[in-house]
Amino acid sequence: MATHSFLRVEDFNEIKKVLIPEYFPNVNLYAISDNGVYAGFIGMGPDSIEMLFIDSDRRGQGYGSALVEFAKRRGATKVDVNEQNHSALNFYKAKGFCIISRDETDDVGRPYPILHLAL
């Protein structure tokens, strides 16, 4: 919720419920740790960043940047961001991504516009 406070509670709970059984099997997951403690993870498709989550207590410490650079080295050139997630949008812009298109709703039709970014 630290970065997705714009989501309605019922939408957040629905997404959380399907994250592991429906989303995780469709991405390659990579984690980053610090002294044996996970700081975050990234989910990747063949040429895209599909998800990036950093523990809220560890944000701003370079873990997200390290994971994005890792993804870029593995061929990631695209990422989608919720339009309301201003911190993520600014983060990806700082990493060289630019908005190339916009959808009015998310992939299941919820009222959360999606910005498509590319390098």
Protein backbone atom coordinates (compact mmCIF):
# COMPACT_ATOMS: atom_id res chain seq x y z
CA MET A 1 0.00 0.00 0.00
CA ALA A 2 2.99 2.33 0.40
CA THR A 3 3.04 2.98 -3.35
CA HIS A 4 -0.51 1.97 -4.29
CA SER A 5 -2.62 3.99 -1.85
CA PHE A 6 -4.80 5.09 -4.79
CA LEU A 7 -6.27 1.57 -5.06
CA ARG A 8 -9.66 0.90 -3.51
CA VAL A 9 -9.33 -1.60 -0.66
CA GLU A 10 -11.40 -4.21 -2.50
CA ASP A 11 -9.23 -3.85 -5.62
CA PHE A 12 -6.03 -4.11 -3.56
CA ASN A 13 -7.31 -7.28 -1.88
CA GLU A 14 -8.37 -8.78 -5.24
CA ILE A 15 -4.93 -8.10 -6.76
CA LYS A 16 -3.19 -9.46 -3.66
CA LYS A 17 -5.28 -12.64 -3.82
CA VAL A 18 -4.25 -13.45 -7.42
CA LEU A 19 -0.66 -12.22 -7.28
CA ILE A 20 0.96 -15.54 -6.37
CA PRO A 21 -1.29 -18.03 -8.23
CA GLU A 22 -1.88 -16.00 -11.41
CA TYR A 23 0.88 -13.41 -11.86
CA PHE A 24 4.00 -15.03 -10.39
CA PRO A 25 3.92 -18.12 -12.67
CA ASN A 26 4.03 -15.83 -15.73
CA VAL A 27 7.21 -13.92 -14.83
CA ASN A 28 10.78 -14.67 -13.90
CA LEU A 29 11.28 -13.51 -10.34
CA TYR A 30 14.56 -12.20 -8.92
CA ALA A 31 15.12 -10.98 -5.38
CA ILE A 32 17.65 -8.67 -3.83
CA SER A 33 18.83 -9.13 -0.27
CA ASP A 34 20.99 -7.36 2.25
CA ASN A 35 22.76 -9.47 4.86
CA GLY A 36 20.34 -12.35 4.23
CA VAL A 37 17.19 -10.22 4.48
CA TYR A 38 15.10 -9.70 1.37
CA ALA A 39 14.84 -6.04 0.40
CA GLY A 40 12.68 -6.49 -2.69
CA PHE A 41 12.03 -8.36 -5.90
CA ILE A 42 11.44 -7.84 -9.60
CA GLY A 43 9.28 -9.86 -11.97
CA MET A 44 10.33 -9.90 -15.62
CA GLY A 45 8.90 -10.94 -18.96
CA PRO A 46 11.09 -11.50 -22.02
CA ASP A 47 11.64 -7.77 -22.63
CA SER A 48 9.73 -6.08 -19.82
CA ILE A 49 9.62 -5.32 -16.14
CA GLU A 50 6.28 -6.70 -15.00
CA MET A 51 6.54 -5.85 -11.31
CA LEU A 52 8.99 -4.28 -8.90
CA PHE A 53 8.43 -4.23 -5.17
CA ILE A 54 10.80 -2.91 -2.51
CA ASP A 55 10.16 -3.27 1.20
CA SER A 56 8.77 0.07 2.33
CA ASP A 57 11.44 0.33 5.06
CA ARG A 58 14.18 -0.06 2.42
CA ARG A 59 12.93 2.33 -0.26
CA GLY A 60 15.40 5.00 -1.34
CA GLN A 61 18.45 2.84 -0.60
CA GLY A 62 19.29 1.77 -4.16
CA TYR A 63 17.65 -1.66 -4.24
CA GLY A 64 15.11 -0.68 -6.89
CA SER A 65 17.79 0.94 -9.02
CA ALA A 66 19.93 -2.18 -8.77
CA LEU A 67 17.02 -4.40 -9.83
CA VAL A 68 16.13 -2.14 -12.78
CA GLU A 69 19.74 -2.14 -13.97
CA PHE A 70 19.76 -5.93 -13.63
CA ALA A 71 16.56 -6.09 -15.73
CA LYS A 72 17.99 -3.79 -18.39
CA ARG A 73 21.10 -5.99 -18.67
CA ARG A 74 18.76 -8.94 -19.22
CA GLY A 75 16.96 -7.13 -22.06
CA ALA A 76 14.11 -5.28 -20.40
CA THR A 77 13.08 -2.25 -22.46
CA LYS A 78 9.46 -1.76 -21.33
CA VAL A 79 7.46 -1.25 -18.17
CA ASP A 80 3.86 -0.36 -17.37
CA VAL A 81 2.99 1.98 -14.49
CA ASN A 82 -0.27 3.03 -12.89
CA GLU A 83 -0.77 6.67 -13.80
CA GLN A 84 -1.63 7.45 -10.16
CA ASN A 85 1.68 5.99 -8.95
CA HIS A 86 3.68 9.21 -9.33
CA SER A 87 6.72 7.94 -7.42
CA ALA A 88 7.06 4.91 -9.73
CA LEU A 89 6.59 7.05 -12.83
CA ASN A 90 9.28 9.49 -11.71
CA PHE A 91 11.56 6.59 -10.76
CA TYR A 92 11.32 4.95 -14.19
CA LYS A 93 11.71 8.28 -15.98
CA ALA A 94 14.94 8.82 -14.01
CA LYS A 95 16.08 5.40 -15.28
CA GLY A 96 15.61 6.47 -18.92
CA PHE A 97 12.07 5.27 -19.62
CA CYS A 98 9.61 7.50 -21.52
CA ILE A 99 5.83 7.31 -21.83
CA ILE A 100 4.86 5.87 -25.21
CA SER A 101 1.12 5.26 -24.70
CA ARG A 102 -1.73 5.19 -22.19
CA ASP A 103 -4.70 2.93 -21.48
CA GLU A 104 -7.74 4.33 -19.66
CA THR A 105 -8.09 1.22 -17.45
CA ASP A 106 -5.89 -1.56 -16.13
CA ASP A 107 -5.72 -4.96 -17.84
CA VAL A 108 -8.97 -6.18 -16.24
CA GLY A 109 -10.93 -2.97 -16.76
CA ARG A 110 -10.56 -1.32 -13.37
CA PRO A 111 -10.49 2.49 -13.37
CA TYR A 112 -6.72 2.80 -13.00
CA PRO A 113 -5.07 4.24 -16.14
CA ILE A 114 -1.92 2.49 -17.23
CA LEU A 115 1.06 4.28 -18.73
CA HIS A 116 3.24 2.23 -21.07
CA LEU A 117 6.91 3.24 -20.92
CA ALA A 118 9.90 2.23 -23.01
CA LEU A 119 13.61 3.01 -23.15
